[in-house]
PDB file of N, CA and C in Angstrom:
ATOM      1  N   UNK A   1      13.294 -17.472 -39.262  1.00  0.00           N
ATOM      2  CA  UNK A   1      13.512 -17.478 -37.823  1.00  0.00           C
ATOM      3  C   UNK A   1      13.231 -18.878 -37.305  1.00  0.00           C
ATOM      4  N   UNK A   2      14.195 -19.462 -36.651  1.00  0.00           N
ATOM      5  CA  UNK A   2      14.053 -20.818 -36.149  1.00  0.00           C
ATOM      6  C   UNK A   2      13.315 -20.862 -34.816  1.00  0.00           C
ATOM      7  N   UNK A   3      12.964 -22.054 -34.397  1.00  0.00           N
ATOM      8  CA  UNK A   3      12.231 -22.259 -33.152  1.00  0.00           C
ATOM      9  C   UNK A   3      13.030 -21.773 -31.950  1.00  0.00           C
ATOM     10  N   UNK A   4      14.332 -22.030 -31.934  1.00  0.00           N
ATOM     11  CA  UNK A   4      15.144 -21.600 -30.791  1.00  0.00           C
ATOM     12  C   UNK A   4      15.200 -20.079 -30.705  1.00  0.00           C
ATOM     13  N   UNK A   5      15.201 -19.392 -31.843  1.00  0.00           N
ATOM     14  CA  UNK A   5      15.195 -17.934 -31.819  1.00  0.00           C
ATOM     15  C   UNK A   5      13.878 -17.404 -31.269  1.00  0.00           C
ATOM     16  N   UNK A   6      12.788 -18.049 -31.610  1.00  0.00           N
ATOM     17  CA  UNK A   6      11.477 -17.642 -31.071  1.00  0.00           C
ATOM     18  C   UNK A   6      11.427 -17.836 -29.565  1.00  0.00           C
ATOM     19  N   UNK A   7      11.974 -18.924 -29.084  1.00  0.00           N
ATOM     20  CA  UNK A   7      11.991 -19.181 -27.637  1.00  0.00           C
ATOM     21  C   UNK A   7      12.791 -18.101 -26.901  1.00  0.00           C
ATOM     22  N   UNK A   8      13.891 -17.689 -27.503  1.00  0.00           N
ATOM     23  CA  UNK A   8      14.703 -16.653 -26.881  1.00  0.00           C
ATOM     24  C   UNK A   8      13.932 -15.343 -26.782  1.00  0.00           C
ATOM     25  N   UNK A   9      13.105 -15.058 -27.774  1.00  0.00           N
ATOM     26  CA  UNK A   9      12.301 -13.838 -27.733  1.00  0.00           C
ATOM     27  C   UNK A   9      11.243 -13.917 -26.647  1.00  0.00           C
ATOM     28  N   UNK A  10      10.626 -15.063 -26.476  1.00  0.00           N
ATOM     29  CA  UNK A  10       9.573 -15.234 -25.479  1.00  0.00           C
ATOM     30  C   UNK A  10      10.175 -15.311 -24.080  1.00  0.00           C
ATOM     31  N   UNK A  11      11.305 -15.948 -23.944  1.00  0.00           N
ATOM     32  CA  UNK A  11      11.942 -16.139 -22.634  1.00  0.00           C
ATOM     33  C   UNK A  11      12.137 -14.850 -21.858  1.00  0.00           C
ATOM     34  N   UNK A  12      12.789 -13.824 -22.434  1.00  0.00           N
ATOM     35  CA  UNK A  12      12.984 -12.580 -21.697  1.00  0.00           C
ATOM     36  C   UNK A  12      11.670 -11.884 -21.329  1.00  0.00           C
ATOM     37  N   UNK A  13      10.645 -12.038 -22.179  1.00  0.00           N
ATOM     38  CA  UNK A  13       9.347 -11.436 -21.856  1.00  0.00           C
ATOM     39  C   UNK A  13       8.747 -12.083 -20.620  1.00  0.00           C
ATOM     40  N   UNK A  14       8.832 -13.382 -20.532  1.00  0.00           N
ATOM     41  CA  UNK A  14       8.302 -14.076 -19.359  1.00  0.00           C
ATOM     42  C   UNK A  14       9.090 -13.649 -18.131  1.00  0.00           C
ATOM     43  N   UNK A  15      10.382 -13.595 -18.258  1.00  0.00           N
ATOM     44  CA  UNK A  15      11.221 -13.185 -17.150  1.00  0.00           C
ATOM     45  C   UNK A  15      10.899 -11.754 -16.708  1.00  0.00           C
ATOM     46  N   UNK A  16      10.701 -10.874 -17.674  1.00  0.00           N
ATOM     47  CA  UNK A  16      10.364  -9.483 -17.364  1.00  0.00           C
ATOM     48  C   UNK A  16       9.002  -9.409 -16.673  1.00  0.00           C
ATOM     49  N   UNK A  17       8.045 -10.194 -17.167  1.00  0.00           N
ATOM     50  CA  UNK A  17       6.725 -10.234 -16.538  1.00  0.00           C
ATOM     51  C   UNK A  17       6.829 -10.748 -15.107  1.00  0.00           C
ATOM     52  N   UNK A  18       7.626 -11.778 -14.921  1.00  0.00           N
ATOM     53  CA  UNK A  18       7.810 -12.317 -13.571  1.00  0.00           C
ATOM     54  C   UNK A  18       8.452 -11.285 -12.657  1.00  0.00           C
ATOM     55  N   UNK A  19       9.420 -10.541 -13.195  1.00  0.00           N
ATOM     56  CA  UNK A  19      10.065  -9.500 -12.393  1.00  0.00           C
ATOM     57  C   UNK A  19       9.056  -8.416 -12.018  1.00  0.00           C
ATOM     58  N   UNK A  20       8.215  -8.041 -12.963  1.00  0.00           N
ATOM     59  CA  UNK A  20       7.201  -7.021 -12.684  1.00  0.00           C
ATOM     60  C   UNK A  20       6.208  -7.511 -11.649  1.00  0.00           C
ATOM     61  N   UNK A  21       5.807  -8.779 -11.754  1.00  0.00           N
ATOM     62  CA  UNK A  21       4.886  -9.346 -10.770  1.00  0.00           C
ATOM     63  C   UNK A  21       5.530  -9.402  -9.388  1.00  0.00           C
ATOM     64  N   UNK A  22       6.792  -9.769  -9.354  1.00  0.00           N
ATOM     65  CA  UNK A  22       7.507  -9.823  -8.071  1.00  0.00           C
ATOM     66  C   UNK A  22       7.620  -8.427  -7.459  1.00  0.00           C
ATOM     67  N   UNK A  23       7.911  -7.442  -8.271  1.00  0.00           N
ATOM     68  CA  UNK A  23       7.994  -6.062  -7.792  1.00  0.00           C
ATOM     69  C   UNK A  23       6.630  -5.598  -7.265  1.00  0.00           C
ATOM     70  N   UNK A  24       5.581  -5.956  -7.970  1.00  0.00           N
ATOM     71  CA  UNK A  24       4.220  -5.619  -7.526  1.00  0.00           C
ATOM     72  C   UNK A  24       3.923  -6.270  -6.176  1.00  0.00           C
ATOM     73  N   UNK A  25       4.311  -7.529  -6.008  1.00  0.00           N
ATOM     74  CA  UNK A  25       4.104  -8.220  -4.724  1.00  0.00           C
ATOM     75  C   UNK A  25       4.898  -7.538  -3.607  1.00  0.00           C
ATOM     76  N   UNK A  26       6.132  -7.132  -3.914  1.00  0.00           N
ATOM     77  CA  UNK A  26       6.952  -6.451  -2.899  1.00  0.00           C
ATOM     78  C   UNK A  26       6.312  -5.133  -2.472  1.00  0.00           C
ATOM     79  N   UNK A  27       5.848  -4.362  -3.454  1.00  0.00           N
ATOM     80  CA  UNK A  27       5.217  -3.083  -3.124  1.00  0.00           C
ATOM     81  C   UNK A  27       3.935  -3.287  -2.327  1.00  0.00           C
ATOM     82  N   UNK A  28       3.169  -4.298  -2.690  1.00  0.00           N
ATOM     83  CA  UNK A  28       1.938  -4.581  -1.964  1.00  0.00           C
ATOM     84  C   UNK A  28       2.235  -4.998  -0.530  1.00  0.00           C
ATOM     85  N   UNK A  29       3.238  -5.828  -0.353  1.00  0.00           N
ATOM     86  CA  UNK A  29       3.631  -6.261   1.000  1.00  0.00           C
ATOM     87  C   UNK A  29       4.122  -5.061   1.811  1.00  0.00           C
ATOM     88  N   UNK A  30       4.893  -4.188   1.189  1.00  0.00           N
ATOM     89  CA  UNK A  30       5.375  -2.978   1.858  1.00  0.00           C
ATOM     90  C   UNK A  30       4.198  -2.107   2.297  1.00  0.00           C
ATOM     91  N   UNK A  31       3.207  -1.985   1.433  1.00  0.00           N
ATOM     92  CA  UNK A  31       2.017  -1.206   1.769  1.00  0.00           C
ATOM     93  C   UNK A  31       1.269  -1.831   2.945  1.00  0.00           C
ATOM     94  N   UNK A  32       1.118  -3.146   2.941  1.00  0.00           N
ATOM     95  CA  UNK A  32       0.436  -3.829   4.032  1.00  0.00           C
ATOM     96  C   UNK A  32       1.168  -3.641   5.354  1.00  0.00           C
ATOM     97  N   UNK A  33       2.475  -3.766   5.330  1.00  0.00           N
ATOM     98  CA  UNK A  33       3.275  -3.577   6.551  1.00  0.00           C
ATOM     99  C   UNK A  33       3.130  -2.137   7.045  1.00  0.00           C
ATOM    100  N   UNK A  34       3.204  -1.189   6.121  1.00  0.00           N
ATOM    101  CA  UNK A  34       3.065   0.222   6.495  1.00  0.00           C
ATOM    102  C   UNK A  34       1.697   0.484   7.134  1.00  0.00           C
ATOM    103  N   UNK A  35       0.650  -0.047   6.517  1.00  0.00           N
ATOM    104  CA  UNK A  35      -0.698   0.168   7.059  1.00  0.00           C
ATOM    105  C   UNK A  35      -0.831  -0.462   8.443  1.00  0.00           C
ATOM    106  N   UNK A  36      -0.306  -1.660   8.618  1.00  0.00           N
ATOM    107  CA  UNK A  36      -0.360  -2.312   9.932  1.00  0.00           C
ATOM    108  C   UNK A  36       0.385  -1.504  10.982  1.00  0.00           C
ATOM    109  N   UNK A  37       1.537  -0.969  10.614  1.00  0.00           N
ATOM    110  CA  UNK A  37       2.313  -0.177  11.566  1.00  0.00           C
ATOM    111  C   UNK A  37       1.586   1.105  11.942  1.00  0.00           C
ATOM    112  N   UNK A  38       1.034   1.799  10.953  1.00  0.00           N
ATOM    113  CA  UNK A  38       0.317   3.045  11.222  1.00  0.00           C
ATOM    114  C   UNK A  38      -0.894   2.772  12.100  1.00  0.00           C
ATOM    115  N   UNK A  39      -1.630   1.713  11.795  1.00  0.00           N
ATOM    116  CA  UNK A  39      -2.809   1.387  12.593  1.00  0.00           C
ATOM    117  C   UNK A  39      -2.414   1.005  14.021  1.00  0.00           C
ATOM    118  N   UNK A  40      -1.304   0.320  14.168  1.00  0.00           N
ATOM    119  CA  UNK A  40      -0.822  -0.025  15.512  1.00  0.00           C
ATOM    120  C   UNK A  40      -0.436   1.218  16.301  1.00  0.00           C
ATOM    121  N   UNK A  41       0.266   2.122  15.652  1.00  0.00           N
ATOM    122  CA  UNK A  41       0.676   3.352  16.329  1.00  0.00           C
ATOM    123  C   UNK A  41      -0.555   4.152  16.754  1.00  0.00           C
ATOM    124  N   UNK A  42      -1.500   4.310  15.867  1.00  0.00           N
ATOM    125  CA  UNK A  42      -2.703   5.087  16.202  1.00  0.00           C
ATOM    126  C   UNK A  42      -3.459   4.434  17.351  1.00  0.00           C
ATOM    127  N   UNK A  43      -3.571   3.137  17.356  1.00  0.00           N
ATOM    128  CA  UNK A  43      -4.350   2.481  18.397  1.00  0.00           C
ATOM    129  C   UNK A  43      -3.604   2.332  19.723  1.00  0.00           C
ATOM    130  N   UNK A  44      -2.277   2.307  19.710  1.00  0.00           N
ATOM    131  CA  UNK A  44      -1.536   1.989  20.923  1.00  0.00           C
ATOM    132  C   UNK A  44      -0.774   3.144  21.554  1.00  0.00           C
ATOM    133  N   UNK A  45      -0.407   4.157  20.798  1.00  0.00           N
ATOM    134  CA  UNK A  45       0.387   5.262  21.348  1.00  0.00           C
ATOM    135  C   UNK A  45      -0.513   6.205  22.129  1.00  0.00           C
ATOM    136  N   UNK A  46      -0.409   6.150  23.432  1.00  0.00           N
ATOM    137  CA  UNK A  46      -1.269   6.954  24.300  1.00  0.00           C
ATOM    138  C   UNK A  46      -0.969   8.448  24.221  1.00  0.00           C
ATOM    139  N   UNK A  47       0.228   8.815  23.796  1.00  0.00           N
ATOM    140  CA  UNK A  47       0.612  10.221  23.713  1.00  0.00           C
ATOM    141  C   UNK A  47       0.297  10.845  22.353  1.00  0.00           C
ATOM    142  N   UNK A  48      -0.216  10.068  21.439  1.00  0.00           N
ATOM    143  CA  UNK A  48      -0.510  10.549  20.088  1.00  0.00           C
ATOM    144  C   UNK A  48      -1.722  11.476  20.103  1.00  0.00           C
ATOM    145  N   UNK A  49      -1.578  12.641  19.506  1.00  0.00           N
ATOM    146  CA  UNK A  49      -2.696  13.581  19.429  1.00  0.00           C
ATOM    147  C   UNK A  49      -3.515  13.316  18.171  1.00  0.00           C
ATOM    148  N   UNK A  50      -4.701  13.890  18.133  1.00  0.00           N
ATOM    149  CA  UNK A  50      -5.562  13.746  16.953  1.00  0.00           C
ATOM    150  C   UNK A  50      -4.855  14.310  15.726  1.00  0.00           C
ATOM    151  N   UNK A  51      -4.207  15.446  15.879  1.00  0.00           N
ATOM    152  CA  UNK A  51      -3.510  16.066  14.759  1.00  0.00           C
ATOM    153  C   UNK A  51      -2.383  15.183  14.247  1.00  0.00           C
ATOM    154  N   UNK A  52      -1.625  14.593  15.145  1.00  0.00           N
ATOM    155  CA  UNK A  52      -0.527  13.712  14.743  1.00  0.00           C
ATOM    156  C   UNK A  52      -1.064  12.469  14.039  1.00  0.00           C
ATOM    157  N   UNK A  53      -2.154  11.935  14.553  1.00  0.00           N
ATOM    158  CA  UNK A  53      -2.756  10.755  13.925  1.00  0.00           C
ATOM    159  C   UNK A  53      -3.275  11.104  12.536  1.00  0.00           C
ATOM    160  N   UNK A  54      -3.907  12.264  12.402  1.00  0.00           N
ATOM    161  CA  UNK A  54      -4.411  12.693  11.094  1.00  0.00           C
ATOM    162  C   UNK A  54      -3.252  12.894  10.115  1.00  0.00           C
ATOM    163  N   UNK A  55      -2.148  13.392  10.610  1.00  0.00           N
ATOM    164  CA  UNK A  55      -0.963  13.566   9.768  1.00  0.00           C
ATOM    165  C   UNK A  55      -0.404  12.214   9.325  1.00  0.00           C
ATOM    166  N   UNK A  56      -0.396  11.245  10.235  1.00  0.00           N
ATOM    167  CA  UNK A  56       0.036   9.892   9.873  1.00  0.00           C
ATOM    168  C   UNK A  56      -0.846   9.322   8.763  1.00  0.00           C
ATOM    169  N   UNK A  57      -2.147   9.502   8.901  1.00  0.00           N
ATOM    170  CA  UNK A  57      -3.083   8.993   7.903  1.00  0.00           C
ATOM    171  C   UNK A  57      -2.838   9.668   6.553  1.00  0.00           C
ATOM    172  N   UNK A  58      -2.654  10.970   6.558  1.00  0.00           N
ATOM    173  CA  UNK A  58      -2.411  11.696   5.310  1.00  0.00           C
ATOM    174  C   UNK A  58      -1.098  11.242   4.665  1.00  0.00           C
ATOM    175  N   UNK A  59      -0.069  11.067   5.479  1.00  0.00           N
ATOM    176  CA  UNK A  59       1.221  10.609   4.951  1.00  0.00           C
ATOM    177  C   UNK A  59       1.128   9.185   4.407  1.00  0.00           C
ATOM    178  N   UNK A  60       0.307   8.378   5.056  1.00  0.00           N
ATOM    179  CA  UNK A  60       0.098   7.008   4.599  1.00  0.00           C
ATOM    180  C   UNK A  60      -0.538   7.000   3.217  1.00  0.00           C
ATOM    181  N   UNK A  61      -1.528   7.860   3.025  1.00  0.00           N
ATOM    182  CA  UNK A  61      -2.182   7.929   1.712  1.00  0.00           C
ATOM    183  C   UNK A  61      -1.196   8.397   0.648  1.00  0.00           C
ATOM    184  N   UNK A  62      -0.399   9.406   0.972  1.00  0.00           N
ATOM    185  CA  UNK A  62       0.593   9.893   0.011  1.00  0.00           C
ATOM    186  C   UNK A  62       1.580   8.791  -0.367  1.00  0.00           C
ATOM    187  N   UNK A  63       2.030   8.044   0.628  1.00  0.00           N
ATOM    188  CA  UNK A  63       2.990   6.966   0.365  1.00  0.00           C
ATOM    189  C   UNK A  63       2.349   5.853  -0.472  1.00  0.00           C
ATOM    190  N   UNK A  64       1.118   5.513  -0.155  1.00  0.00           N
ATOM    191  CA  UNK A  64       0.416   4.468  -0.910  1.00  0.00           C
ATOM    192  C   UNK A  64       0.240   4.887  -2.366  1.00  0.00           C
ATOM    193  N   UNK A  65      -0.125   6.150  -2.577  1.00  0.00           N
ATOM    194  CA  UNK A  65      -0.325   6.618  -3.950  1.00  0.00           C
ATOM    195  C   UNK A  65       1.000   6.798  -4.689  1.00  0.00           C
ATOM    196  N   UNK A  66       2.083   7.002  -3.968  1.00  0.00           N
ATOM    197  CA  UNK A  66       3.398   7.047  -4.606  1.00  0.00           C
ATOM    198  C   UNK A  66       3.786   5.652  -5.111  1.00  0.00           C
ATOM    199  N   UNK A  67       3.410   4.627  -4.344  1.00  0.00           N
ATOM    200  CA  UNK A  67       3.702   3.256  -4.762  1.00  0.00           C
ATOM    201  C   UNK A  67       2.759   2.785  -5.862  1.00  0.00           C
ATOM    202  N   UNK A  68       1.490   3.187  -5.753  1.00  0.00           N
ATOM    203  CA  UNK A  68       0.453   2.772  -6.699  1.00  0.00           C
ATOM    204  C   UNK A  68      -0.293   4.013  -7.181  1.00  0.00           C
ATOM    205  N   UNK A  69       0.265   4.753  -8.122  1.00  0.00           N
ATOM    206  CA  UNK A  69      -0.277   6.063  -8.517  1.00  0.00           C
ATOM    207  C   UNK A  69      -1.727   6.070  -8.997  1.00  0.00           C
ATOM    208  N   UNK A  70      -2.157   5.058  -9.688  1.00  0.00           N
ATOM    209  CA  UNK A  70      -3.510   5.072 -10.253  1.00  0.00           C
ATOM    210  C   UNK A  70      -4.522   4.329  -9.390  1.00  0.00           C
ATOM    211  N   UNK A  71      -4.221   4.113  -8.136  1.00  0.00           N
ATOM    212  CA  UNK A  71      -5.072   3.278  -7.299  1.00  0.00           C
ATOM    213  C   UNK A  71      -5.726   4.045  -6.143  1.00  0.00           C
ATOM    214  N   UNK A  72      -6.006   5.315  -6.346  1.00  0.00           N
ATOM    215  CA  UNK A  72      -6.631   6.099  -5.274  1.00  0.00           C
ATOM    216  C   UNK A  72      -8.000   5.543  -4.904  1.00  0.00           C
ATOM    217  N   UNK A  73      -8.779   5.116  -5.887  1.00  0.00           N
ATOM    218  CA  UNK A  73     -10.097   4.554  -5.601  1.00  0.00           C
ATOM    219  C   UNK A  73      -9.960   3.308  -4.730  1.00  0.00           C
ATOM    220  N   UNK A  74      -9.008   2.448  -5.057  1.00  0.00           N
ATOM    221  CA  UNK A  74      -8.779   1.240  -4.256  1.00  0.00           C
ATOM    222  C   UNK A  74      -8.390   1.608  -2.824  1.00  0.00           C
ATOM    223  N   UNK A  75      -7.527   2.604  -2.668  1.00  0.00           N
ATOM    224  CA  UNK A  75      -7.149   3.063  -1.332  1.00  0.00           C
ATOM    225  C   UNK A  75      -8.388   3.545  -0.578  1.00  0.00           C
ATOM    226  N   UNK A  76      -9.219   4.321  -1.270  1.00  0.00           N
ATOM    227  CA  UNK A  76     -10.401   4.895  -0.625  1.00  0.00           C
ATOM    228  C   UNK A  76     -11.413   3.846  -0.190  1.00  0.00           C
ATOM    229  N   UNK A  77     -11.493   2.728  -0.891  1.00  0.00           N
ATOM    230  CA  UNK A  77     -12.458   1.717  -0.463  1.00  0.00           C
ATOM    231  C   UNK A  77     -11.856   0.656   0.457  1.00  0.00           C
ATOM    232  N   UNK A  78     -10.536   0.491   0.428  1.00  0.00           N
ATOM    233  CA  UNK A  78      -9.908  -0.521   1.274  1.00  0.00           C
ATOM    234  C   UNK A  78      -9.388   0.032   2.593  1.00  0.00           C
ATOM    235  N   UNK A  79      -8.614   1.087   2.529  1.00  0.00           N
ATOM    236  CA  UNK A  79      -7.917   1.556   3.718  1.00  0.00           C
ATOM    237  C   UNK A  79      -8.569   2.747   4.403  1.00  0.00           C
ATOM    238  N   UNK A  80      -9.147   3.644   3.646  1.00  0.00           N
ATOM    239  CA  UNK A  80      -9.740   4.845   4.240  1.00  0.00           C
ATOM    240  C   UNK A  80     -10.805   4.511   5.292  1.00  0.00           C
ATOM    241  N   UNK A  81     -11.744   3.599   5.020  1.00  0.00           N
ATOM    242  CA  UNK A  81     -12.744   3.277   6.051  1.00  0.00           C
ATOM    243  C   UNK A  81     -12.128   2.683   7.319  1.00  0.00           C
ATOM    244  N   UNK A  82     -11.107   1.845   7.156  1.00  0.00           N
ATOM    245  CA  UNK A  82     -10.434   1.269   8.331  1.00  0.00           C
ATOM    246  C   UNK A  82      -9.794   2.360   9.179  1.00  0.00           C
ATOM    247  N   UNK A  83      -9.104   3.265   8.514  1.00  0.00           N
ATOM    248  CA  UNK A  83      -8.436   4.341   9.244  1.00  0.00           C
ATOM    249  C   UNK A  83      -9.450   5.282   9.888  1.00  0.00           C
ATOM    250  N   UNK A  84     -10.526   5.584   9.186  1.00  0.00           N
ATOM    251  CA  UNK A  84     -11.566   6.445   9.761  1.00  0.00           C
ATOM    252  C   UNK A  84     -12.189   5.790  10.988  1.00  0.00           C
ATOM    253  N   UNK A  85     -12.491   4.506  10.888  1.00  0.00           N
ATOM    254  CA  UNK A  85     -13.077   3.782  12.015  1.00  0.00           C
ATOM    255  C   UNK A  85     -12.116   3.756  13.203  1.00  0.00           C
ATOM    256  N   UNK A  86     -10.845   3.510  12.924  1.00  0.00           N
ATOM    257  CA  UNK A  86      -9.839   3.487  13.984  1.00  0.00           C
ATOM    258  C   UNK A  86      -9.713   4.856  14.653  1.00  0.00           C
ATOM    259  N   UNK A  87      -9.684   5.909  13.857  1.00  0.00           N
ATOM    260  CA  UNK A  87      -9.607   7.262  14.411  1.00  0.00           C
ATOM    261  C   UNK A  87     -10.832   7.564  15.272  1.00  0.00           C
ATOM    262  N   UNK A  88     -11.995   7.162  14.809  1.00  0.00           N
ATOM    263  CA  UNK A  88     -13.229   7.406  15.558  1.00  0.00           C
ATOM    264  C   UNK A  88     -13.210   6.648  16.889  1.00  0.00           C
ATOM    265  N   UNK A  89     -12.774   5.408  16.868  1.00  0.00           N
ATOM    266  CA  UNK A  89     -12.702   4.613  18.095  1.00  0.00           C
ATOM    267  C   UNK A  89     -11.647   5.164  19.050  1.00  0.00           C
ATOM    268  N   UNK A  90     -10.493   5.465  18.519  1.00  0.00           N
ATOM    269  CA  UNK A  90      -9.365   5.891  19.360  1.00  0.00           C
ATOM    270  C   UNK A  90      -9.602   7.252  19.994  1.00  0.00           C
ATOM    271  N   UNK A  91     -10.176   8.181  19.253  1.00  0.00           N
ATOM    272  CA  UNK A  91     -10.322   9.547  19.741  1.00  0.00           C
ATOM    273  C   UNK A  91     -11.769   9.900  20.040  1.00  0.00           C
ATOM    274  N   UNK A  92     -12.627   8.895  20.089  1.00  0.00           N
ATOM    275  CA  UNK A  92     -14.054   9.087  20.416  1.00  0.00           C
ATOM    276  C   UNK A  92     -14.689  10.152  19.526  1.00  0.00           C
ATOM    277  N   UNK A  93     -14.397  10.042  18.230  1.00  0.00           N
ATOM    278  CA  UNK A  93     -14.922  10.995  17.266  1.00  0.00           C
ATOM    279  C   UNK A  93     -16.211  10.444  16.673  1.00  0.00           C
ATOM    280  N   UNK A  94     -17.009  11.352  16.098  1.00  0.00           N
ATOM    281  CA  UNK A  94     -18.252  10.911  15.446  1.00  0.00           C
ATOM    282  C   UNK A  94     -18.181  11.144  13.981  1.00  0.00           C
TER     283      UNK A  94
END
């Protein structure tokens, strides 16, 4: 096997890794945008009920776990406290 053949084998792997990293960045950005939108709606929509807000939060978690299936712990330590705090502030909950 010559040097050029080895490079060809490594080349597609690097490209595939880059594609996977890019896809991961896209999904992460999508998650961030979704979380920002949900938090904005909960904090700004005066007609939103507690039940509707709780449903938004539950749907957000489902969507996040659909994008990142093995990252429930990360969701629970990053986003859950923010959403709980926002719900408590918005609806005067304890």
